[in-house]
Protein backbone atom coordinates (compact mmCIF):
# COMPACT_ATOMS: atom_id res chain seq x y z
CA MET A 1 0.00 0.00 0.00
CA PHE A 2 2.92 2.33 0.59
CA ALA A 3 3.91 1.89 -3.07
CA HIS A 4 0.38 2.79 -4.24
CA GLY A 5 0.47 5.93 -2.13
CA ALA A 6 3.94 6.80 -3.43
CA GLN A 7 2.58 6.52 -6.97
CA LYS A 8 -0.10 9.04 -6.07
CA LEU A 9 2.03 11.44 -4.06
CA PHE A 10 5.38 11.38 -5.83
CA GLY A 11 4.84 9.74 -9.20
CA TRP A 12 7.07 6.84 -8.18
CA PHE A 13 6.61 3.41 -9.79
CA ASN A 14 5.07 4.98 -12.93
CA GLY A 15 2.33 6.65 -10.92
CA PRO A 16 0.48 9.84 -11.79
CA GLY A 17 1.93 12.01 -9.04
CA ILE A 18 -0.21 14.47 -7.16
CA GLU A 19 -0.99 16.65 -10.18
CA GLY A 20 -2.09 13.70 -12.31
CA LEU A 21 -4.13 12.25 -9.48
CA SER A 22 -5.73 15.63 -8.82
CA GLN A 23 -6.82 15.80 -12.45
CA GLY A 24 -8.25 12.29 -12.18
CA PHE A 25 -10.11 13.19 -8.99
CA GLU A 26 -11.48 16.31 -10.67
CA GLY A 27 -12.83 14.13 -13.49
CA MET A 28 -14.47 11.79 -10.98
CA GLY A 29 -16.11 14.69 -9.17
CA LEU A 30 -13.94 14.43 -6.07
CA LYS A 31 -13.57 18.11 -5.22
CA PRO A 32 -11.61 19.92 -4.03
CA ALA A 33 -9.44 17.56 -6.02
CA LYS A 34 -5.91 18.39 -4.87
CA PRO A 35 -6.54 18.23 -1.10
CA LYS A 36 -8.50 15.01 -1.51
CA ALA A 37 -5.73 13.57 -3.70
CA LEU A 38 -3.19 14.43 -1.00
CA ILE A 39 -5.36 12.73 1.63
CA ALA A 40 -5.77 9.61 -0.53
CA GLY A 41 -2.04 9.37 -1.24
CA ALA A 42 -1.10 10.04 2.37
CA SER A 43 -3.63 7.47 3.60
CA GLU A 44 -2.18 4.79 1.35
CA ALA A 45 1.50 5.66 1.84
CA GLY A 46 1.20 6.48 5.53
CA GLY A 47 -1.17 3.64 6.35
CA GLY A 48 0.95 1.20 4.38
CA ALA A 49 4.13 2.35 6.12
CA LEU A 50 2.53 2.08 9.57
CA ILE A 51 1.26 -1.44 8.82
CA ALA A 52 4.64 -2.53 7.43
CA LEU A 53 6.41 -1.25 10.54
CA GLY A 54 3.76 -2.54 12.91
CA LEU A 55 3.56 0.95 14.39
CA LEU A 56 0.23 2.45 15.47
CA THR A 57 -1.35 -0.48 13.70
CA PRO A 58 -5.00 0.53 14.29
CA VAL A 59 -4.28 4.00 12.85
CA GLY A 60 -2.62 2.54 9.76
CA ALA A 61 -5.47 0.09 9.32
CA ALA A 62 -8.09 2.84 9.65
CA ALA A 63 -6.29 4.88 6.98
CA LEU A 64 -6.28 1.94 4.58
CA ILE A 65 -9.89 1.04 5.31
CA GLY A 66 -10.90 4.65 4.67
CA VAL A 67 -9.17 4.94 1.33
CA MET A 68 -10.56 1.55 0.26
CA ARG A 69 -14.07 2.67 1.23
CA GLN A 70 -13.72 5.77 -0.91
CA ALA A 71 -12.35 3.77 -3.84
CA VAL A 72 -15.27 1.36 -3.64
CA GLU A 73 -17.83 4.16 -3.47
CA THR A 74 -16.26 6.28 -6.21
CA VAL A 75 -14.98 3.71 -8.71
CA HIS A 76 -15.81 0.08 -8.03
CA ILE A 77 -19.30 -0.39 -6.58
CA GLU A 78 -21.15 0.05 -9.87
CA LYS A 79 -18.96 -2.62 -11.48
CA GLY A 80 -20.07 -5.37 -9.10
CA PHE A 81 -18.09 -7.58 -6.77
CA PHE A 82 -15.42 -9.29 -8.87
CA VAL A 83 -12.12 -7.54 -9.56
CA THR A 84 -12.03 -9.09 -13.03
CA GLU A 85 -14.91 -6.77 -13.91
CA GLY A 86 -13.41 -3.78 -12.09
CA GLY A 87 -15.41 -4.53 -8.96
CA TYR A 88 -14.64 -4.02 -5.28
CA GLU A 89 -13.46 -7.53 -4.37
CA TYR A 90 -9.79 -6.54 -3.94
CA ASN A 91 -10.60 -3.33 -2.04
CA LEU A 92 -12.72 -5.37 0.38
CA LEU A 93 -9.87 -7.84 0.81
CA ILE A 94 -7.41 -5.06 1.69
CA ALA A 95 -9.85 -3.56 4.21
CA ALA A 96 -10.60 -6.95 5.75
CA ALA A 97 -6.89 -7.80 6.02
CA ALA A 98 -6.22 -4.48 7.75
CA ALA A 99 -9.03 -5.12 10.24
CA ALA A 100 -7.85 -8.69 10.83
CA LEU A 101 -4.33 -7.45 11.54
CA VAL A 102 -5.68 -5.15 14.23
CA ALA A 103 -7.81 -7.95 15.68
CA THR A 104 -4.91 -10.39 15.89
CA GLY A 105 -2.14 -7.89 16.63
CA PRO A 106 0.89 -6.96 14.54
CA GLY A 107 3.19 -9.62 16.03
CA LYS A 108 6.37 -9.84 18.02
CA TRP A 109 8.55 -8.17 15.36
CA SER A 110 6.35 -5.08 15.21
CA LEU A 111 7.36 -1.72 16.62
CA ASP A 112 4.10 -1.67 18.58
CA GLU A 113 5.20 -4.85 20.37
CA GLN A 114 8.77 -3.64 20.87
CA LEU A 115 7.65 -0.25 22.20
CA GLY A 116 4.87 -1.68 24.35
CA THR A 117 2.22 0.33 22.47
CA GLU A 118 0.26 -2.52 20.91
CA VAL A 119 -3.49 -2.09 20.85
CA SER A 120 -5.28 -5.08 19.35
CA GLY A 121 -8.30 -7.31 19.69
CA PRO A 122 -11.88 -7.28 18.44
CA LEU A 123 -12.78 -3.89 19.94
CA ALA A 124 -9.68 -2.24 18.50
CA ALA A 125 -10.48 -3.78 15.10
CA LEU A 126 -14.07 -2.54 15.32
CA ALA A 127 -12.79 0.96 16.19
CA ALA A 128 -10.40 0.92 13.20
CA VAL A 129 -13.21 -0.20 10.90
CA GLY A 130 -15.55 2.47 12.25
CA LEU A 131 -12.96 5.21 11.89
CA GLY A 132 -11.99 4.01 8.44
CA LEU A 133 -15.56 3.84 7.20
CA SER A 134 -16.44 7.26 8.58
CA GLY A 135 -13.20 8.95 7.50
CA PRO A 136 -14.18 9.76 3.90
CA LYS A 137 -17.46 11.33 5.04
CA LEU A 138 -15.59 13.41 7.61
CA VAL A 139 -13.22 14.60 4.85
CA ASP A 140 -16.25 15.54 2.72
CA ARG A 141 -17.64 17.60 5.60
CA LEU A 142 -14.31 19.32 6.21
CA LEU A 143 -13.60 19.86 2.51
CA PRO A 144 -16.95 20.38 0.80
CA ALA A 145 -17.03 20.15 -2.99
CA GLY A 146 -17.98 23.82 -3.41
CA GLU A 147 -14.71 25.09 -1.96
């Protein structure tokens, strides 16, 4: 997920970069496009980095769940379930894996474990899912399309 965010933010790995993504968001009706593109890229890159490090795992998971929710709503839902048809199957898998990681914990090699900051279990996973699912709507309220 970090790599996907880096494509969006920096144009790495043949990605569009923030300007290209902003234009794409504008075309999809996600306005204001540039701030929302920055949030999407930061959610993927930051959430992916946190998950990879096992640091603030519920925060990283919530970020990934939120960006997957927005992708499903904006791009994939109308195409059905299966990814072979452009559907939301893969987005759902990423969100479910992020939630499962919070539920089970990031493991003994994680920074959360090493620093004694691990928060995991079913309630933590439910909180990450709730935050992730509500995040895009909160962004819409903070950054309304007319501004």
